Amino acid sequence: MDLSLERPEGYLFIRRVGERSITVVDRELRASFLLAPDRLVESWPVDDVAALDEGAGESVRVLEPELVLLGTGVRQRFPSAAFMAGFLRKGVGIEVMDNAAAARTYDLLAGEGRRVVAAFILPPAEPAG
């Protein structure tokens, strides 16, 4: 699904979302990542919602978001209550959605100048062969 035909200036944006990849500006990413309007953190070491722990949450919070959009793949899947509570205790909002919805919401909020961080979970690479 292509999300943007225009090329906004001033922030990193998502151009396309697929089942196994997401394109940020002109870079296709095939591993989980974090995205803020001014920063891309590649190779976020999470490939499943069940792998979300305090360390994964801290990797997101260090980007100082006011709101986190957690993209959980092609379907919306909720992480543990403890993971969600780690954000709420710090006063950071968190919304869980599928990757396509998270991408659309991220582009909208980043375009408005909001301090949003999107955390996208992508499936592990399929073995060659």
N, C-alpha and C. Protein backbone atom coordinates (compact mmCIF):
# COMPACT_ATOMS: atom_id res chain seq x y z
N MET A 1 0.84 -1.17 0.00
CA MET A 1 0.00 0.00 0.00
C MET A 1 0.89 1.23 0.00
N ASP A 2 0.80 2.06 -1.04
CA ASP A 2 1.53 3.31 -1.10
C ASP A 2 0.80 4.35 -0.27
N LEU A 3 1.56 5.08 0.55
CA LEU A 3 0.95 6.05 1.45
C LEU A 3 1.19 7.48 1.03
N SER A 4 2.27 7.76 0.33
CA SER A 4 2.61 9.15 0.05
C SER A 4 3.14 9.31 -1.38
N LEU A 5 2.52 10.19 -2.12
CA LEU A 5 3.03 10.51 -3.45
C LEU A 5 3.87 11.78 -3.39
N GLU A 6 3.58 12.64 -2.42
CA GLU A 6 4.36 13.85 -2.24
C GLU A 6 5.55 13.54 -1.34
N ARG A 7 6.53 14.40 -1.38
CA ARG A 7 7.72 14.21 -0.56
C ARG A 7 7.77 15.35 0.46
N PRO A 8 7.21 15.13 1.65
CA PRO A 8 7.23 16.18 2.67
C PRO A 8 8.65 16.52 3.09
N GLU A 9 8.88 17.73 3.43
CA GLU A 9 10.19 18.16 3.91
C GLU A 9 10.13 18.33 5.42
N GLY A 10 11.24 18.10 6.07
CA GLY A 10 11.33 18.40 7.49
C GLY A 10 11.12 17.22 8.42
N TYR A 11 10.72 16.05 7.92
CA TYR A 11 10.58 14.89 8.79
C TYR A 11 10.66 13.61 7.96
N LEU A 12 11.04 12.55 8.63
CA LEU A 12 11.07 11.24 7.98
C LEU A 12 9.64 10.74 7.86
N PHE A 13 9.30 10.21 6.71
CA PHE A 13 7.93 9.76 6.47
C PHE A 13 7.92 8.36 5.87
N ILE A 14 6.77 7.73 5.96
CA ILE A 14 6.60 6.38 5.43
C ILE A 14 5.92 6.48 4.08
N ARG A 15 6.57 5.87 3.09
CA ARG A 15 6.06 5.91 1.73
C ARG A 15 5.20 4.68 1.41
N ARG A 16 5.59 3.51 1.95
CA ARG A 16 4.90 2.28 1.56
C ARG A 16 4.96 1.27 2.70
N VAL A 17 3.88 0.48 2.84
CA VAL A 17 3.81 -0.59 3.82
C VAL A 17 3.44 -1.88 3.11
N GLY A 18 4.24 -2.92 3.32
CA GLY A 18 3.95 -4.25 2.81
C GLY A 18 3.88 -5.23 3.97
N GLU A 19 3.61 -6.48 3.67
CA GLU A 19 3.54 -7.49 4.74
C GLU A 19 4.89 -7.71 5.40
N ARG A 20 5.98 -7.65 4.65
CA ARG A 20 7.30 -7.98 5.17
C ARG A 20 8.28 -6.82 5.16
N SER A 21 7.82 -5.65 4.71
CA SER A 21 8.73 -4.50 4.65
C SER A 21 7.94 -3.20 4.75
N ILE A 22 8.67 -2.15 5.09
CA ILE A 22 8.13 -0.79 5.15
C ILE A 22 9.18 0.12 4.53
N THR A 23 8.74 1.05 3.67
CA THR A 23 9.65 1.98 3.04
C THR A 23 9.55 3.33 3.74
N VAL A 24 10.68 3.78 4.29
CA VAL A 24 10.81 5.09 4.93
C VAL A 24 11.57 5.97 3.96
N VAL A 25 10.93 7.03 3.53
CA VAL A 25 11.42 7.90 2.47
C VAL A 25 11.72 7.00 1.27
N ASP A 26 12.98 6.71 0.95
CA ASP A 26 13.31 5.83 -0.18
C ASP A 26 14.04 4.56 0.26
N ARG A 27 14.04 4.27 1.56
CA ARG A 27 14.77 3.11 2.09
C ARG A 27 13.78 2.03 2.52
N GLU A 28 13.90 0.85 1.89
CA GLU A 28 13.04 -0.28 2.24
C GLU A 28 13.65 -1.03 3.42
N LEU A 29 12.88 -1.16 4.50
CA LEU A 29 13.33 -1.84 5.71
C LEU A 29 12.62 -3.18 5.84
N ARG A 30 13.39 -4.23 6.14
CA ARG A 30 12.84 -5.58 6.25
C ARG A 30 13.03 -6.16 7.65
N ALA A 31 13.43 -5.34 8.60
CA ALA A 31 13.57 -5.76 10.00
C ALA A 31 12.89 -4.70 10.86
N SER A 32 12.44 -5.09 12.04
CA SER A 32 11.75 -4.18 12.95
C SER A 32 12.60 -2.93 13.19
N PHE A 33 11.92 -1.79 13.37
CA PHE A 33 12.64 -0.52 13.53
C PHE A 33 11.79 0.47 14.30
N LEU A 34 12.45 1.55 14.73
CA LEU A 34 11.81 2.68 15.40
C LEU A 34 11.94 3.90 14.51
N LEU A 35 10.90 4.71 14.49
CA LEU A 35 10.91 5.89 13.63
C LEU A 35 10.35 7.09 14.38
N ALA A 36 11.17 8.14 14.46
CA ALA A 36 10.76 9.44 14.98
C ALA A 36 10.86 10.41 13.80
N PRO A 37 10.23 11.57 13.90
CA PRO A 37 10.30 12.51 12.77
C PRO A 37 11.73 12.88 12.36
N ASP A 38 12.67 12.82 13.31
CA ASP A 38 14.04 13.22 13.02
C ASP A 38 15.06 12.09 13.10
N ARG A 39 14.58 10.85 13.28
CA ARG A 39 15.54 9.76 13.51
C ARG A 39 14.95 8.41 13.16
N LEU A 40 15.76 7.59 12.49
CA LEU A 40 15.42 6.21 12.19
C LEU A 40 16.39 5.31 12.94
N VAL A 41 15.85 4.39 13.74
CA VAL A 41 16.67 3.42 14.47
C VAL A 41 16.39 2.06 13.85
N GLU A 42 17.34 1.58 13.07
CA GLU A 42 17.17 0.30 12.39
C GLU A 42 17.49 -0.87 13.32
N SER A 43 17.01 -2.03 12.91
CA SER A 43 17.31 -3.29 13.61
C SER A 43 16.90 -3.27 15.08
N TRP A 44 15.69 -2.81 15.36
CA TRP A 44 15.12 -2.92 16.71
C TRP A 44 14.94 -4.42 16.95
N PRO A 45 15.53 -4.98 18.00
CA PRO A 45 15.58 -6.44 18.14
C PRO A 45 14.29 -7.09 18.65
N VAL A 46 13.19 -6.82 17.96
CA VAL A 46 11.89 -7.39 18.31
C VAL A 46 11.28 -7.93 17.03
N ASP A 47 10.91 -9.20 16.99
CA ASP A 47 10.26 -9.72 15.79
C ASP A 47 8.89 -10.33 16.08
N ASP A 48 8.43 -10.14 17.32
CA ASP A 48 7.11 -10.65 17.70
C ASP A 48 6.63 -9.87 18.92
N VAL A 49 5.33 -9.67 19.03
CA VAL A 49 4.76 -8.95 20.17
C VAL A 49 5.17 -9.61 21.49
N ALA A 50 5.26 -10.93 21.51
CA ALA A 50 5.62 -11.65 22.73
C ALA A 50 7.04 -11.32 23.20
N ALA A 51 7.89 -10.78 22.31
CA ALA A 51 9.27 -10.45 22.66
C ALA A 51 9.40 -9.07 23.29
N LEU A 52 8.30 -8.32 23.39
CA LEU A 52 8.37 -6.97 23.96
C LEU A 52 8.60 -7.06 25.47
N ASP A 53 9.68 -6.43 25.92
CA ASP A 53 10.01 -6.43 27.34
C ASP A 53 10.46 -5.02 27.75
N GLU A 54 10.93 -4.87 28.98
CA GLU A 54 11.34 -3.57 29.48
C GLU A 54 12.46 -2.97 28.63
N GLY A 55 13.41 -3.79 28.18
CA GLY A 55 14.50 -3.29 27.34
C GLY A 55 13.99 -2.73 26.02
N ALA A 56 13.04 -3.43 25.41
CA ALA A 56 12.45 -2.95 24.15
C ALA A 56 11.71 -1.63 24.38
N GLY A 57 11.03 -1.54 25.51
CA GLY A 57 10.32 -0.31 25.84
C GLY A 57 11.27 0.86 26.08
N GLU A 58 12.37 0.59 26.75
CA GLU A 58 13.35 1.65 27.01
C GLU A 58 13.98 2.15 25.72
N SER A 59 14.19 1.28 24.75
CA SER A 59 14.72 1.70 23.45
C SER A 59 13.80 2.71 22.78
N VAL A 60 12.50 2.57 23.00
CA VAL A 60 11.52 3.51 22.45
C VAL A 60 11.51 4.80 23.27
N ARG A 61 11.46 4.67 24.60
CA ARG A 61 11.35 5.85 25.47
C ARG A 61 12.56 6.78 25.37
N VAL A 62 13.75 6.25 25.03
CA VAL A 62 14.94 7.09 24.92
C VAL A 62 14.78 8.12 23.80
N LEU A 63 13.87 7.89 22.86
CA LEU A 63 13.60 8.84 21.78
C LEU A 63 12.67 9.97 22.23
N GLU A 64 12.25 9.95 23.48
CA GLU A 64 11.46 11.01 24.12
C GLU A 64 10.14 11.32 23.40
N PRO A 65 9.32 10.30 23.16
CA PRO A 65 8.04 10.55 22.50
C PRO A 65 7.00 11.11 23.46
N GLU A 66 6.03 11.81 22.89
CA GLU A 66 4.82 12.14 23.66
C GLU A 66 3.78 11.06 23.42
N LEU A 67 3.89 10.38 22.26
CA LEU A 67 2.99 9.30 21.90
C LEU A 67 3.77 8.24 21.13
N VAL A 68 3.51 6.97 21.46
CA VAL A 68 4.10 5.84 20.76
C VAL A 68 3.02 5.12 19.98
N LEU A 69 3.30 4.84 18.72
CA LEU A 69 2.43 4.02 17.89
C LEU A 69 3.14 2.69 17.71
N LEU A 70 2.54 1.63 18.22
CA LEU A 70 3.14 0.30 18.11
C LEU A 70 2.47 -0.45 16.98
N GLY A 71 3.20 -0.65 15.89
CA GLY A 71 2.71 -1.42 14.75
C GLY A 71 3.10 -2.88 14.94
N THR A 72 2.10 -3.75 15.01
CA THR A 72 2.34 -5.15 15.39
C THR A 72 2.29 -6.12 14.22
N GLY A 73 2.49 -5.64 13.00
CA GLY A 73 2.48 -6.51 11.84
C GLY A 73 1.22 -6.33 11.02
N VAL A 74 0.80 -7.37 10.32
CA VAL A 74 -0.38 -7.26 9.46
C VAL A 74 -1.68 -7.26 10.26
N ARG A 75 -1.60 -7.69 11.52
CA ARG A 75 -2.77 -7.66 12.40
C ARG A 75 -2.43 -6.96 13.70
N GLN A 76 -3.42 -6.38 14.31
CA GLN A 76 -3.25 -5.76 15.61
C GLN A 76 -3.16 -6.86 16.68
N ARG A 77 -2.08 -6.82 17.46
CA ARG A 77 -1.88 -7.77 18.56
C ARG A 77 -1.38 -6.98 19.76
N PHE A 78 -2.00 -7.18 20.90
CA PHE A 78 -1.65 -6.39 22.07
C PHE A 78 -0.51 -7.02 22.86
N PRO A 79 0.44 -6.19 23.29
CA PRO A 79 1.52 -6.69 24.15
C PRO A 79 1.00 -6.87 25.58
N SER A 80 1.87 -7.32 26.45
CA SER A 80 1.47 -7.54 27.84
C SER A 80 1.08 -6.23 28.51
N ALA A 81 0.26 -6.34 29.53
CA ALA A 81 -0.15 -5.17 30.30
C ALA A 81 1.06 -4.51 30.95
N ALA A 82 2.04 -5.28 31.37
CA ALA A 82 3.25 -4.73 31.99
C ALA A 82 4.02 -3.85 31.00
N PHE A 83 4.11 -4.28 29.75
CA PHE A 83 4.79 -3.49 28.73
C PHE A 83 4.07 -2.16 28.53
N MET A 84 2.76 -2.21 28.40
CA MET A 84 1.97 -0.99 28.21
C MET A 84 2.11 -0.05 29.42
N ALA A 85 2.07 -0.62 30.62
CA ALA A 85 2.14 0.17 31.85
C ALA A 85 3.48 0.90 31.96
N GLY A 86 4.55 0.33 31.40
CA GLY A 86 5.85 1.00 31.44
C GLY A 86 5.82 2.37 30.78
N PHE A 87 5.01 2.52 29.75
CA PHE A 87 4.86 3.81 29.08
C PHE A 87 3.96 4.74 29.88
N LEU A 88 2.85 4.20 30.33
CA LEU A 88 1.87 5.03 31.04
C LEU A 88 2.46 5.59 32.34
N ARG A 89 3.29 4.80 33.03
CA ARG A 89 3.94 5.28 34.25
C ARG A 89 4.85 6.47 33.97
N LYS A 90 5.39 6.55 32.78
CA LYS A 90 6.29 7.66 32.40
C LYS A 90 5.52 8.81 31.74
N GLY A 91 4.21 8.71 31.68
CA GLY A 91 3.40 9.77 31.08
C GLY A 91 3.42 9.78 29.57
N VAL A 92 3.74 8.64 28.95
CA VAL A 92 3.81 8.53 27.49
C VAL A 92 2.62 7.72 27.01
N GLY A 93 1.85 8.28 26.10
CA GLY A 93 0.73 7.56 25.53
C GLY A 93 1.21 6.46 24.59
N ILE A 94 0.45 5.39 24.49
CA ILE A 94 0.81 4.31 23.56
C ILE A 94 -0.46 3.77 22.93
N GLU A 95 -0.42 3.63 21.61
CA GLU A 95 -1.53 3.07 20.84
C GLU A 95 -1.01 1.87 20.06
N VAL A 96 -1.79 0.81 20.03
CA VAL A 96 -1.41 -0.42 19.35
C VAL A 96 -2.30 -0.59 18.12
N MET A 97 -1.68 -0.86 16.97
CA MET A 97 -2.44 -1.05 15.74
C MET A 97 -1.63 -1.88 14.76
N ASP A 98 -2.24 -2.26 13.66
CA ASP A 98 -1.46 -2.98 12.64
C ASP A 98 -0.50 -1.99 11.98
N ASN A 99 0.48 -2.51 11.24
CA ASN A 99 1.51 -1.64 10.66
C ASN A 99 0.96 -0.60 9.70
N ALA A 100 -0.02 -0.97 8.88
CA ALA A 100 -0.56 -0.01 7.92
C ALA A 100 -1.23 1.16 8.64
N ALA A 101 -2.02 0.87 9.66
CA ALA A 101 -2.69 1.94 10.42
C ALA A 101 -1.66 2.78 11.18
N ALA A 102 -0.65 2.13 11.75
CA ALA A 102 0.40 2.87 12.48
C ALA A 102 1.15 3.80 11.52
N ALA A 103 1.41 3.35 10.31
CA ALA A 103 2.11 4.17 9.32
C ALA A 103 1.28 5.40 8.94
N ARG A 104 0.00 5.20 8.66
CA ARG A 104 -0.87 6.33 8.30
C ARG A 104 -0.93 7.33 9.45
N THR A 105 -1.10 6.84 10.66
CA THR A 105 -1.22 7.71 11.83
C THR A 105 0.10 8.44 12.08
N TYR A 106 1.21 7.72 11.96
CA TYR A 106 2.52 8.35 12.14
C TYR A 106 2.70 9.50 11.15
N ASP A 107 2.45 9.25 9.85
CA ASP A 107 2.64 10.30 8.85
C ASP A 107 1.79 11.53 9.15
N LEU A 108 0.57 11.30 9.58
CA LEU A 108 -0.33 12.42 9.92
C LEU A 108 0.22 13.22 11.10
N LEU A 109 0.58 12.53 12.18
CA LEU A 109 1.05 13.23 13.38
C LEU A 109 2.42 13.87 13.18
N ALA A 110 3.33 13.18 12.50
CA ALA A 110 4.64 13.77 12.22
C ALA A 110 4.49 15.00 11.34
N GLY A 111 3.57 14.95 10.38
CA GLY A 111 3.32 16.09 9.51
C GLY A 111 2.77 17.29 10.26
N GLU A 112 2.12 17.03 11.40
CA GLU A 112 1.61 18.11 12.25
C GLU A 112 2.66 18.63 13.23
N GLY A 113 3.86 18.03 13.19
CA GLY A 113 4.92 18.47 14.09
C GLY A 113 4.87 17.83 15.47
N ARG A 114 4.10 16.78 15.64
CA ARG A 114 3.99 16.10 16.94
C ARG A 114 5.23 15.26 17.20
N ARG A 115 5.55 15.06 18.46
CA ARG A 115 6.69 14.23 18.86
C ARG A 115 6.19 12.79 19.03
N VAL A 116 6.04 12.13 17.89
CA VAL A 116 5.52 10.77 17.83
C VAL A 116 6.67 9.83 17.48
N VAL A 117 6.64 8.63 18.06
CA VAL A 117 7.59 7.58 17.69
C VAL A 117 6.77 6.35 17.30
N ALA A 118 7.08 5.81 16.14
CA ALA A 118 6.43 4.59 15.69
C ALA A 118 7.42 3.43 15.85
N ALA A 119 6.95 2.37 16.47
CA ALA A 119 7.74 1.16 16.66
C ALA A 119 7.09 0.08 15.81
N PHE A 120 7.78 -0.35 14.76
CA PHE A 120 7.21 -1.31 13.82
C PHE A 120 7.83 -2.68 14.01
N ILE A 121 6.98 -3.69 14.18
CA ILE A 121 7.43 -5.07 14.27
C ILE A 121 7.24 -5.71 12.90
N LEU A 122 8.35 -6.18 12.34
CA LEU A 122 8.33 -6.89 11.07
C LEU A 122 8.75 -8.33 11.33
N PRO A 123 8.21 -9.27 10.55
CA PRO A 123 8.55 -10.68 10.78
C PRO A 123 10.01 -10.95 10.43
N PRO A 124 10.59 -11.98 11.05
CA PRO A 124 11.97 -12.32 10.70
C PRO A 124 12.07 -12.71 9.24
N ALA A 125 13.25 -12.52 8.69
CA ALA A 125 13.48 -12.87 7.28
C ALA A 125 13.25 -14.35 7.07
N GLU A 126 12.65 -14.68 5.93
CA GLU A 126 12.44 -16.08 5.59
C GLU A 126 13.77 -16.70 5.18
N PRO A 127 14.03 -17.93 5.60
CA PRO A 127 15.29 -18.56 5.20
C PRO A 127 15.35 -18.76 3.69
N ALA A 128 16.51 -18.55 3.13
CA ALA A 128 16.70 -18.74 1.69
C ALA A 128 16.68 -20.22 1.36
N GLY A 129 16.15 -20.52 0.21
CA GLY A 129 16.22 -21.91 -0.20
C GLY A 129 14.97 -22.40 -0.67
